[in-house]
Amino acid sequence: MGADESTVSDSFNYYGYPQVVRALGKDYANWDLSRAPIRMNLRRSKTQYNYY
């Protein structure tokens, strides 16, 4: 199942970014990139399809 750019952006902003903040902290300037990559669970809102 594919998703267009706006769907991916909306999904990332709603589901993905909070997961990044939980893993790396609120201030992006202080992110420790050695802790990356992190797992992000994204969901397509229209179909409730999960992307991992």
C-alpha atoms as a PDB file:
ATOM      1  CA  MET A   1       0.000   0.000   0.000  1.00  0.00           C
ATOM      2  CA  GLY A   2       1.511   3.273  -1.057  1.00  0.00           C
ATOM      3  CA  ALA A   3       0.971   6.699   0.394  1.00  0.00           C
ATOM      4  CA  ASP A   4       1.320  10.084  -1.225  1.00  0.00           C
ATOM      5  CA  GLU A   5       3.641  12.774   0.160  1.00  0.00           C
ATOM      6  CA  SER A   6       0.986  14.662   2.102  1.00  0.00           C
ATOM      7  CA  THR A   7      -0.201  11.453   3.779  1.00  0.00           C
ATOM      8  CA  VAL A   8       3.341  10.523   4.773  1.00  0.00           C
ATOM      9  CA  SER A   9       3.991  14.057   6.071  1.00  0.00           C
ATOM     10  CA  ASP A  10       0.785  14.140   8.105  1.00  0.00           C
ATOM     11  CA  SER A  11       1.442  10.689   9.505  1.00  0.00           C
ATOM     12  CA  PHE A  12       5.021  11.552  10.436  1.00  0.00           C
ATOM     13  CA  ASN A  13       4.032  14.843  12.077  1.00  0.00           C
ATOM     14  CA  TYR A  14       1.282  13.212  14.118  1.00  0.00           C
ATOM     15  CA  TYR A  15       2.805   9.816  14.952  1.00  0.00           C
ATOM     16  CA  GLY A  16       6.508   9.902  14.096  1.00  0.00           C
ATOM     17  CA  TYR A  17       7.880  13.128  15.484  1.00  0.00           C
ATOM     18  CA  PRO A  18       6.595  12.541  19.044  1.00  0.00           C
ATOM     19  CA  GLN A  19       8.335   9.157  18.953  1.00  0.00           C
ATOM     20  CA  VAL A  20      11.589  10.821  17.897  1.00  0.00           C
ATOM     21  CA  VAL A  21      11.254  13.358  20.720  1.00  0.00           C
ATOM     22  CA  ARG A  22      10.621  10.593  23.272  1.00  0.00           C
ATOM     23  CA  ALA A  23      13.734   8.762  22.109  1.00  0.00           C
ATOM     24  CA  LEU A  24      16.128  11.681  21.584  1.00  0.00           C
ATOM     25  CA  GLY A  25      14.751  14.591  23.645  1.00  0.00           C
ATOM     26  CA  LYS A  26      12.878  17.817  22.973  1.00  0.00           C
ATOM     27  CA  ASP A  27      15.812  20.011  21.917  1.00  0.00           C
ATOM     28  CA  TYR A  28      16.983  18.820  18.507  1.00  0.00           C
ATOM     29  CA  ALA A  29      20.282  20.679  18.924  1.00  0.00           C
ATOM     30  CA  ASN A  30      21.184  18.258  21.744  1.00  0.00           C
ATOM     31  CA  TRP A  31      20.140  15.024  20.042  1.00  0.00           C
ATOM     32  CA  ASP A  32      22.696  12.253  20.456  1.00  0.00           C
ATOM     33  CA  LEU A  33      22.686  10.750  16.976  1.00  0.00           C
ATOM     34  CA  SER A  34      24.661   7.742  18.191  1.00  0.00           C
ATOM     35  CA  ARG A  35      21.306   6.576  19.631  1.00  0.00           C
ATOM     36  CA  ALA A  36      19.845   6.468  16.101  1.00  0.00           C
ATOM     37  CA  PRO A  37      18.277   4.777  14.254  1.00  0.00           C
ATOM     38  CA  ILE A  38      15.146   4.521  16.317  1.00  0.00           C
ATOM     39  CA  ARG A  39      12.018   2.595  15.498  1.00  0.00           C
ATOM     40  CA  MET A  40       9.043   4.687  14.443  1.00  0.00           C
ATOM     41  CA  ASN A  41       5.555   3.300  14.025  1.00  0.00           C
ATOM     42  CA  LEU A  42       3.546   5.201  11.420  1.00  0.00           C
ATOM     43  CA  ARG A  43      -0.090   4.647  10.534  1.00  0.00           C
ATOM     44  CA  ARG A  44      -1.972   5.704   7.425  1.00  0.00           C
ATOM     45  CA  SER A  45      -5.013   7.404   8.883  1.00  0.00           C
ATOM     46  CA  LYS A  46      -7.320   6.703   5.940  1.00  0.00           C
ATOM     47  CA  THR A  47      -6.869   2.920   6.034  1.00  0.00           C
ATOM     48  CA  GLN A  48      -5.332   2.400   9.493  1.00  0.00           C
ATOM     49  CA  TYR A  49      -2.455   0.591   7.744  1.00  0.00           C
ATOM     50  CA  ASN A  50       0.687   0.402   9.914  1.00  0.00           C
ATOM     51  CA  TYR A  51       4.153   1.164   8.513  1.00  0.00           C
ATOM     52  CA  TYR A  52       7.158   0.015  10.527  1.00  0.00           C
END
